[in-house]
Amino acid sequence: MKKSPTVTLQPQAVRRIAGRYPFGHSGDIARADDGIQPGEVVNVKGPDSSKVIARGYFNPQGATPLRLLTWQDEDIDLKFYRARVKAALARRAGRIVNTDAMRVLHAEADGMPGVIADQFAGTLGVQLRNAGVERHRDLIVRALREETGATSAYERSDTGERRKEGLELVTGTLWGDVPERVEFFEDDLKLHFNPMDAQKTGFFLDQRDNRRLMRTFVQPGAGFLDVYSYTGGFSLHAAKAGAKAVAIDKDSVALGALEGAARGNGVQVGVRWGDAIEQLDALVKEKRTFGAIVLDPPTLAKRRDDVPRTKRIFTDGAARALRMLDSGGHLLISTCAHYIRVDDLLDAARVAAAEANTDAEVQGVTYQPADHPHLLSVPESLYLKSVLLRKA
């Protein structure tokens, strides 16, 4: 093993980290060698042993100072990163169908803490979120280029996580000629986005399975409501199946992109700009009805303390949605917040149904798709949870 500085754990942290949990918090660390540079690879040991438990990035100034990479005796070099990318691609082989877009790397769940990589046809969108991957950016970018075969790639490392690591925000081209309009397909839809204007790496691939699910409930000519639509993936699928789709969002640029995508796919989607709850109230007053509704707000709960307030927002939205939902219609309530549990969604929906003076059957619970893996040893890698209801 390459000579590296050492970080020694507190006794209570040894079992958790030896069990492949990839995060070491400040309270887990007993001591660290002097002079460790932000993002440097370190050997991790227990307090009473000379044995190396794991290896990972260490950033003394980071919100999460220790991020584990491996529990094996191996160097962290180009060969290592290529193997991780190759393994991630192999896990996805044959599991992502009828689309040329997928998530290639899902950070810790693919053994690459701080790296998100989404591929859209021949173009790759990449985020590098911590000091360790920033320090190794050339190796990681080279590994992605060699293993994915993408002809171009852009970087969207402009997330708040980088600021917490003491890093500047970075965007731009990584290699090749990145098109101003990145195009890909999902089933019978042609989709596109501007890589420098879109949120995160460009498009929310994690709702792919739910978009397909909700499309199965569409009755031609019936109403479909997409609340917090962003660029309207749910709306486009529903409209393609013959629904009269309506999308609500407060991002006028995203709604403009949705209208362009609708025209490109030969469908129509009505858009309503503004606050979601206010728009829902207006639709209730207009006595609008819908055969299917999606309620998919942004993260909202970024800390545990945010959960009660967020549940109230879900309740307010779901109550209004249930009032407008046809009898026998379907409502999908979805969250991308790690701290919101399925039980929280069910609690919010239960209160909402009472406020709407109706009842509903829980028809299913869904999670993120296969290209956004949930690793057992990393509870944080499970973030997308959705509850499907059928109105009585």
Protein backbone atom coordinates (compact mmCIF):
# COMPACT_ATOMS: atom_id res chain seq x y z
CA MET A 1 0.00 0.00 0.00
CA LYS A 2 1.22 3.48 -0.86
CA LYS A 3 2.60 5.48 2.05
CA SER A 4 -0.12 7.84 3.27
CA PRO A 5 -0.87 9.91 6.35
CA THR A 6 -3.04 8.34 9.03
CA VAL A 7 -6.35 9.23 10.63
CA THR A 8 -7.21 7.40 13.86
CA LEU A 9 -10.84 6.77 14.80
CA GLN A 10 -12.59 7.04 18.12
CA PRO A 11 -13.43 3.58 19.53
CA GLN A 12 -17.17 3.98 18.94
CA ALA A 13 -16.65 4.71 15.24
CA VAL A 14 -14.55 1.68 14.37
CA ARG A 15 -17.33 -0.86 13.94
CA ARG A 16 -19.48 1.45 11.84
CA ILE A 17 -16.71 2.43 9.45
CA ALA A 18 -15.25 -1.07 9.30
CA GLY A 19 -18.77 -2.14 8.29
CA ARG A 20 -18.37 -0.09 5.09
CA TYR A 21 -20.17 3.05 6.17
CA PRO A 22 -18.43 5.67 4.01
CA PHE A 23 -18.68 8.79 6.18
CA GLY A 24 -16.51 9.77 9.12
CA HIS A 25 -17.79 12.82 10.99
CA SER A 26 -15.75 15.13 13.18
CA GLY A 27 -16.81 13.30 16.37
CA ASP A 28 -15.57 10.01 14.90
CA ILE A 29 -11.97 11.16 14.64
CA ALA A 30 -9.55 10.83 17.56
CA ARG A 31 -6.51 12.30 15.83
CA ALA A 32 -4.95 12.92 12.44
CA ASP A 33 -1.37 13.30 11.31
CA ASP A 34 -0.13 16.85 10.96
CA GLY A 35 -0.01 18.51 7.57
CA ILE A 36 -2.77 16.58 5.80
CA GLN A 37 -3.90 18.60 2.79
CA PRO A 38 -7.63 18.98 1.98
CA GLY A 39 -8.75 15.94 0.03
CA GLU A 40 -5.59 13.93 0.55
CA VAL A 41 -5.94 10.13 0.67
CA VAL A 42 -5.33 8.77 4.18
CA ASN A 43 -5.12 5.42 5.90
CA VAL A 44 -7.79 4.92 8.57
CA LYS A 45 -7.02 2.96 11.73
CA GLY A 46 -8.66 2.12 15.02
CA PRO A 47 -7.25 3.47 18.32
CA ASP A 48 -5.71 0.18 19.44
CA SER A 49 -4.48 -1.26 16.17
CA SER A 50 -1.84 -0.69 13.57
CA LYS A 51 -4.07 -2.39 10.99
CA VAL A 52 -5.50 -0.17 8.26
CA ILE A 53 -9.29 -0.45 8.30
CA ALA A 54 -9.98 1.61 5.20
CA ARG A 55 -8.65 4.35 2.95
CA GLY A 56 -10.33 7.55 1.91
CA TYR A 57 -10.27 11.29 1.41
CA PHE A 58 -9.67 13.55 4.40
CA ASN A 59 -10.52 17.22 4.58
CA PRO A 60 -9.91 18.67 8.07
CA GLN A 61 -12.06 21.70 7.20
CA GLY A 62 -14.89 19.75 5.59
CA ALA A 63 -18.39 19.36 7.03
CA THR A 64 -17.82 15.60 6.68
CA PRO A 65 -14.04 15.33 7.08
CA LEU A 66 -13.61 11.65 6.18
CA ARG A 67 -15.02 9.97 3.06
CA LEU A 68 -14.09 6.33 2.64
CA LEU A 69 -13.12 4.88 -0.73
CA THR A 70 -11.98 1.34 -0.10
CA TRP A 71 -11.64 -1.32 2.57
CA GLN A 72 -8.97 -3.12 0.55
CA ASP A 73 -5.17 -2.83 0.33
CA GLU A 74 -5.06 -0.84 -2.91
CA ASP A 75 -3.73 2.42 -4.31
CA ILE A 76 -6.12 5.20 -5.31
CA ASP A 77 -4.95 5.82 -8.86
CA LEU A 78 -6.24 5.78 -12.43
CA LYS A 79 -6.57 1.99 -12.34
CA PHE A 80 -8.75 2.29 -9.22
CA TYR A 81 -11.08 4.89 -10.74
CA ARG A 82 -11.38 3.05 -14.03
CA ALA A 83 -12.35 -0.11 -12.17
CA ARG A 84 -15.05 1.77 -10.25
CA VAL A 85 -16.54 3.26 -13.40
CA LYS A 86 -16.37 -0.09 -15.19
CA ALA A 87 -18.10 -1.84 -12.27
CA ALA A 88 -20.84 0.81 -12.18
CA LEU A 89 -21.53 0.35 -15.88
CA ALA A 90 -21.61 -3.42 -15.47
CA ARG A 91 -24.20 -3.15 -12.66
CA ARG A 92 -26.46 -1.14 -14.95
CA ALA A 93 -26.06 -3.34 -18.02
CA GLY A 94 -29.45 -4.50 -19.29
CA ARG A 95 -31.35 -2.75 -16.49
CA ILE A 96 -31.94 0.66 -18.08
CA VAL A 97 -33.99 0.17 -21.23
CA ASN A 98 -35.78 2.23 -23.89
CA THR A 99 -33.65 5.29 -23.25
CA ASP A 100 -30.15 6.50 -24.08
CA ALA A 101 -29.78 8.43 -20.81
CA MET A 102 -28.77 7.07 -17.43
CA ARG A 103 -26.82 7.86 -14.27
CA VAL A 104 -23.36 6.33 -14.59
CA LEU A 105 -22.07 7.17 -11.10
CA HIS A 106 -24.21 7.70 -8.01
CA ALA A 107 -21.53 8.88 -5.58
CA GLU A 108 -21.03 6.67 -2.49
CA ALA A 109 -23.46 4.03 -3.79
CA ASP A 110 -20.99 3.36 -6.62
CA GLY A 111 -17.91 3.65 -4.42
CA MET A 112 -17.14 7.14 -5.72
CA PRO A 113 -18.00 9.61 -2.93
CA GLY A 114 -18.66 13.06 -4.29
CA VAL A 115 -18.96 12.08 -7.96
CA ILE A 116 -22.21 12.28 -9.92
CA ALA A 117 -22.12 11.45 -13.62
CA ASP A 118 -25.15 11.33 -15.92
CA GLN A 119 -24.88 10.27 -19.55
CA PHE A 120 -27.25 11.60 -22.23
CA ALA A 121 -26.54 9.80 -25.51
CA GLY A 122 -22.92 10.73 -26.26
CA THR A 123 -22.64 13.55 -23.72
CA LEU A 124 -21.71 13.22 -20.05
CA GLY A 125 -22.70 15.62 -17.27
CA VAL A 126 -20.39 15.51 -14.21
CA GLN A 127 -20.40 16.92 -10.68
CA LEU A 128 -17.35 16.80 -8.40
CA ARG A 129 -18.51 17.68 -4.91
CA ASN A 130 -15.68 17.35 -2.38
CA ALA A 131 -12.02 18.16 -1.87
CA GLY A 132 -10.92 14.58 -2.50
CA VAL A 133 -12.41 14.25 -5.95
CA GLU A 134 -11.29 17.79 -6.75
CA ARG A 135 -7.74 16.79 -5.90
CA HIS A 136 -8.08 13.74 -8.19
CA ARG A 137 -10.20 15.40 -10.87
CA ASP A 138 -7.79 14.63 -13.74
CA LEU A 139 -7.76 10.92 -12.89
CA ILE A 140 -11.53 10.75 -12.47
CA VAL A 141 -12.27 12.66 -15.66
CA ARG A 142 -9.86 10.45 -17.59
CA ALA A 143 -11.46 7.30 -16.17
CA LEU A 144 -14.92 8.51 -17.17
CA ARG A 145 -13.77 9.42 -20.65
CA GLU A 146 -12.05 6.09 -21.24
CA GLU A 147 -14.76 3.85 -19.78
CA THR A 148 -17.98 5.55 -20.93
CA GLY A 149 -16.86 6.38 -24.44
CA ALA A 150 -18.75 9.68 -24.26
CA THR A 151 -17.66 12.02 -27.04
CA SER A 152 -18.16 15.15 -24.94
CA ALA A 153 -18.60 16.08 -21.30
CA TYR A 154 -19.46 19.16 -19.26
CA GLU A 155 -19.06 19.95 -15.58
CA ARG A 156 -21.76 21.29 -13.26
CA SER A 157 -19.81 21.42 -10.01
CA ASP A 158 -21.84 24.39 -8.79
CA THR A 159 -23.50 22.83 -5.77
CA GLY A 160 -23.57 23.96 -2.15
CA GLU A 161 -21.57 20.88 -1.12
CA ARG A 162 -18.45 22.38 -2.69
CA ARG A 163 -18.72 25.55 -0.62
CA LYS A 164 -18.86 23.43 2.53
CA GLU A 165 -15.60 21.83 1.38
CA GLY A 166 -13.94 25.20 0.89
CA LEU A 167 -14.03 24.87 -2.91
CA GLU A 168 -14.96 27.29 -5.66
CA LEU A 169 -17.91 26.53 -7.92
CA VAL A 170 -16.88 25.22 -11.34
CA THR A 171 -18.78 24.81 -14.61
CA GLY A 172 -17.66 24.32 -18.19
CA THR A 173 -16.50 21.82 -20.78
CA LEU A 174 -14.43 18.82 -19.68
CA TRP A 175 -13.76 17.41 -23.16
CA GLY A 176 -15.11 17.38 -26.68
CA ASP A 177 -17.63 19.71 -28.29
CA VAL A 178 -20.52 19.96 -25.84
CA PRO A 179 -23.71 20.83 -27.73
CA GLU A 180 -25.72 23.86 -26.62
CA ARG A 181 -28.74 21.57 -26.67
CA VAL A 182 -28.18 18.07 -25.28
CA GLU A 183 -30.71 15.63 -26.79
CA PHE A 184 -31.77 12.14 -25.72
CA PHE A 185 -34.84 9.94 -25.77
CA GLU A 186 -37.05 8.29 -23.19
CA ASP A 187 -39.47 5.78 -24.65
CA ASP A 188 -41.31 7.63 -27.46
CA LEU A 189 -40.31 11.11 -26.27
CA LYS A 190 -37.48 13.24 -27.60
CA LEU A 191 -36.08 15.34 -24.75
CA HIS A 192 -33.47 18.05 -24.52
CA PHE A 193 -31.93 20.67 -22.22
CA ASN A 194 -29.27 23.35 -22.17
CA PRO A 195 -26.46 21.90 -20.02
CA MET A 196 -25.41 25.24 -18.55
CA ASP A 197 -28.92 26.49 -17.74
CA ALA A 198 -30.58 23.34 -16.42
CA GLN A 199 -30.62 22.27 -12.78
CA LYS A 200 -27.90 19.93 -11.49
CA THR A 201 -26.54 17.76 -14.32
CA GLY A 202 -29.39 18.64 -16.64
CA PHE A 203 -32.43 16.38 -16.23
CA PHE A 204 -34.07 14.42 -13.42
CA LEU A 205 -33.43 10.86 -14.56
CA ASP A 206 -34.43 9.45 -11.16
CA GLN A 207 -38.18 9.85 -11.88
CA ARG A 208 -38.01 7.75 -15.06
CA ASP A 209 -39.80 4.72 -13.58
CA ASN A 210 -42.47 6.89 -11.96
CA ARG A 211 -43.09 8.75 -15.23
CA ARG A 212 -43.73 5.41 -16.90
CA LEU A 213 -45.93 4.27 -14.01
CA MET A 214 -48.17 7.33 -14.08
CA ARG A 215 -48.51 7.10 -17.83
CA THR A 216 -50.22 3.73 -17.44
CA PHE A 217 -53.11 5.45 -15.62
CA VAL A 218 -53.77 8.00 -18.35
CA GLN A 219 -57.17 7.91 -19.99
CA PRO A 220 -57.19 9.71 -23.36
CA GLY A 221 -58.89 13.05 -22.99
CA ALA A 222 -58.75 13.00 -19.18
CA GLY A 223 -56.94 15.63 -17.14
CA PHE A 224 -53.42 15.11 -15.81
CA LEU A 225 -51.86 17.52 -13.32
CA ASP A 226 -48.09 17.80 -12.82
CA VAL A 227 -47.36 19.86 -9.68
CA TYR A 228 -43.79 21.17 -9.24
CA SER A 229 -43.26 20.06 -12.81
CA TYR A 230 -39.87 21.66 -13.60
CA THR A 231 -39.43 20.80 -17.33
CA GLY A 232 -42.44 18.53 -17.24
CA GLY A 233 -41.28 14.95 -17.73
CA PHE A 234 -44.51 13.63 -16.20
CA SER A 235 -46.62 16.04 -18.27
CA LEU A 236 -44.95 15.07 -21.54
CA HIS A 237 -45.47 11.35 -20.93
CA ALA A 238 -49.10 11.93 -20.03
CA ALA A 239 -49.74 14.17 -23.03
CA LYS A 240 -48.11 11.63 -25.35
CA ALA A 241 -50.61 9.08 -24.03
CA GLY A 242 -53.50 11.41 -24.83
CA ALA A 243 -54.10 13.25 -21.56
CA LYS A 244 -54.96 16.92 -21.22
CA ALA A 245 -51.87 17.73 -19.20
CA VAL A 246 -51.32 20.79 -17.03
CA ALA A 247 -47.98 21.63 -15.42
CA ILE A 248 -47.38 23.96 -12.45
CA ASP A 249 -43.99 25.45 -11.59
CA LYS A 250 -42.52 28.76 -10.43
CA ASP A 251 -39.53 28.45 -12.80
CA SER A 252 -40.59 30.29 -15.94
CA VAL A 253 -37.48 29.15 -17.84
CA ALA A 254 -38.32 25.50 -17.10
CA LEU A 255 -41.91 26.01 -18.23
CA GLY A 256 -40.64 27.59 -21.44
CA ALA A 257 -38.45 24.54 -22.01
CA LEU A 258 -41.49 22.32 -21.38
CA GLU A 259 -43.52 24.17 -23.98
CA GLY A 260 -40.69 23.74 -26.50
CA ALA A 261 -40.39 20.03 -25.72
CA ALA A 262 -44.15 19.60 -26.09
CA ARG A 263 -44.08 21.18 -29.55
CA GLY A 264 -41.13 19.00 -30.52
CA ASN A 265 -43.08 15.90 -29.55
CA GLY A 266 -46.31 16.93 -31.24
CA VAL A 267 -48.31 17.34 -28.02
CA GLN A 268 -49.80 20.15 -25.95
CA VAL A 269 -49.21 20.83 -22.25
CA GLY A 270 -50.91 23.69 -20.44
CA VAL A 271 -48.55 25.57 -18.13
CA ARG A 272 -49.32 27.60 -15.02
CA TRP A 273 -46.56 29.71 -13.54
CA GLY A 274 -46.49 30.49 -9.85
CA ASP A 275 -46.52 29.11 -6.32
CA ALA A 276 -47.80 25.55 -6.32
CA ILE A 277 -50.28 25.89 -3.45
CA GLU A 278 -51.69 29.13 -4.85
CA GLN A 279 -52.11 27.55 -8.26
CA LEU A 280 -53.78 24.51 -6.73
CA ASP A 281 -56.21 26.80 -4.89
CA ALA A 282 -57.02 28.53 -8.16
CA LEU A 283 -57.68 25.21 -9.89
CA VAL A 284 -59.98 24.11 -7.05
CA LYS A 285 -61.95 27.36 -7.43
CA GLU A 286 -62.16 26.73 -11.17
CA LYS A 287 -63.69 23.33 -10.36
CA ARG A 288 -61.07 21.55 -12.46
CA THR A 289 -60.83 17.76 -12.22
CA PHE A 290 -58.07 15.33 -13.11
CA GLY A 291 -57.75 11.62 -13.61
CA ALA A 292 -54.16 11.55 -12.31
CA ILE A 293 -51.98 13.97 -10.36
CA VAL A 294 -48.28 14.07 -9.45
CA LEU A 295 -47.04 16.02 -6.43
CA ASP A 296 -43.24 16.11 -6.65
CA PRO A 297 -41.78 19.12 -4.79
CA PRO A 298 -38.07 19.96 -4.51
CA THR A 299 -36.02 18.64 -1.59
CA LEU A 300 -37.59 20.98 1.05
CA ALA A 301 -36.20 19.01 4.03
CA LYS A 302 -32.43 19.39 4.04
CA ARG A 303 -32.20 18.81 7.82
CA ARG A 304 -34.17 16.72 10.29
CA ASP A 305 -35.57 19.92 11.79
CA ASP A 306 -37.24 20.66 8.44
CA VAL A 307 -39.40 17.51 8.49
CA PRO A 308 -42.51 18.85 10.34
CA ARG A 309 -42.75 21.94 8.13
CA THR A 310 -42.23 19.83 5.01
CA LYS A 311 -44.92 17.34 6.00
CA ARG A 312 -47.36 20.26 6.28
CA ILE A 313 -46.50 21.33 2.73
CA PHE A 314 -47.17 17.80 1.50
CA THR A 315 -50.47 17.75 3.38
CA ASP A 316 -51.56 21.10 1.96
CA GLY A 317 -50.72 20.03 -1.58
CA ALA A 318 -52.22 16.55 -1.30
CA ALA A 319 -55.47 17.82 0.23
CA ARG A 320 -56.03 20.15 -2.71
CA ALA A 321 -55.02 17.45 -5.18
CA LEU A 322 -57.44 14.94 -3.68
CA ARG A 323 -60.30 17.44 -3.93
CA MET A 324 -59.72 17.67 -7.69
CA LEU A 325 -58.94 14.01 -8.32
CA ASP A 326 -61.64 11.95 -10.01
CA SER A 327 -63.03 9.00 -8.08
CA GLY A 328 -60.76 6.08 -8.95
CA GLY A 329 -58.01 8.47 -10.01
CA HIS A 330 -54.38 8.17 -8.95
CA LEU A 331 -52.15 10.53 -6.95
CA LEU A 332 -48.39 10.08 -6.75
CA ILE A 333 -46.74 11.86 -3.81
CA SER A 334 -42.97 11.91 -4.18
CA THR A 335 -40.00 13.22 -2.21
CA CYS A 336 -36.30 13.44 -3.02
CA ALA A 337 -35.43 14.39 0.58
CA HIS A 338 -33.42 11.79 2.49
CA TYR A 339 -34.94 12.89 5.81
CA ILE A 340 -38.54 12.37 4.65
CA ARG A 341 -39.53 8.74 5.18
CA VAL A 342 -42.30 6.76 3.53
CA ASP A 343 -44.18 6.93 6.83
CA ASP A 344 -43.95 10.73 6.70
CA LEU A 345 -45.55 10.73 3.25
CA LEU A 346 -48.28 8.39 4.44
CA ASP A 347 -48.95 10.56 7.52
CA ALA A 348 -49.19 13.67 5.37
CA ALA A 349 -51.51 11.91 2.91
CA ARG A 350 -53.71 10.58 5.71
CA VAL A 351 -54.26 14.06 7.11
CA ALA A 352 -54.79 15.42 3.60
CA ALA A 353 -57.48 12.83 2.84
CA ALA A 354 -59.32 13.77 6.03
CA GLU A 355 -59.13 17.46 5.12
CA ALA A 356 -60.44 16.64 1.63
CA ASN A 357 -63.26 14.54 3.16
CA THR A 358 -62.32 11.47 1.16
CA ASP A 359 -60.40 8.24 1.49
CA ALA A 360 -57.74 6.59 -0.63
CA GLU A 361 -56.11 3.22 -1.08
CA VAL A 362 -52.34 2.89 -0.91
CA GLN A 363 -51.54 1.03 -4.12
CA GLY A 364 -47.79 1.02 -3.88
CA VAL A 365 -44.52 2.54 -2.74
CA THR A 366 -41.73 3.16 -5.24
CA TYR A 367 -38.09 4.11 -4.92
CA GLN A 368 -35.35 5.39 -7.20
CA PRO A 369 -34.46 3.41 -10.35
CA ALA A 370 -31.60 0.97 -10.83
CA ASP A 371 -29.14 3.56 -12.10
CA HIS A 372 -29.45 5.41 -8.78
CA PRO A 373 -28.50 2.46 -6.55
CA HIS A 374 -29.38 2.21 -2.87
CA LEU A 375 -26.45 0.54 -1.15
CA LEU A 376 -27.31 -1.28 2.07
CA SER A 377 -24.30 0.10 3.94
CA VAL A 378 -25.13 3.67 2.89
CA PRO A 379 -28.61 4.59 4.18
CA GLU A 380 -28.16 8.08 2.71
CA SER A 381 -28.12 6.60 -0.80
CA LEU A 382 -31.87 5.97 -0.50
CA TYR A 383 -33.43 9.34 -1.15
CA LEU A 384 -36.32 9.07 -3.64
CA LYS A 385 -39.53 7.69 -2.15
CA SER A 386 -43.02 7.86 -3.61
CA VAL A 387 -46.45 6.74 -2.48
CA LEU A 388 -49.14 5.87 -5.05
CA LEU A 389 -52.74 6.46 -3.93
CA ARG A 390 -56.05 5.64 -5.60
CA LYS A 391 -58.94 7.85 -4.56
CA ALA A 392 -61.93 5.95 -3.24
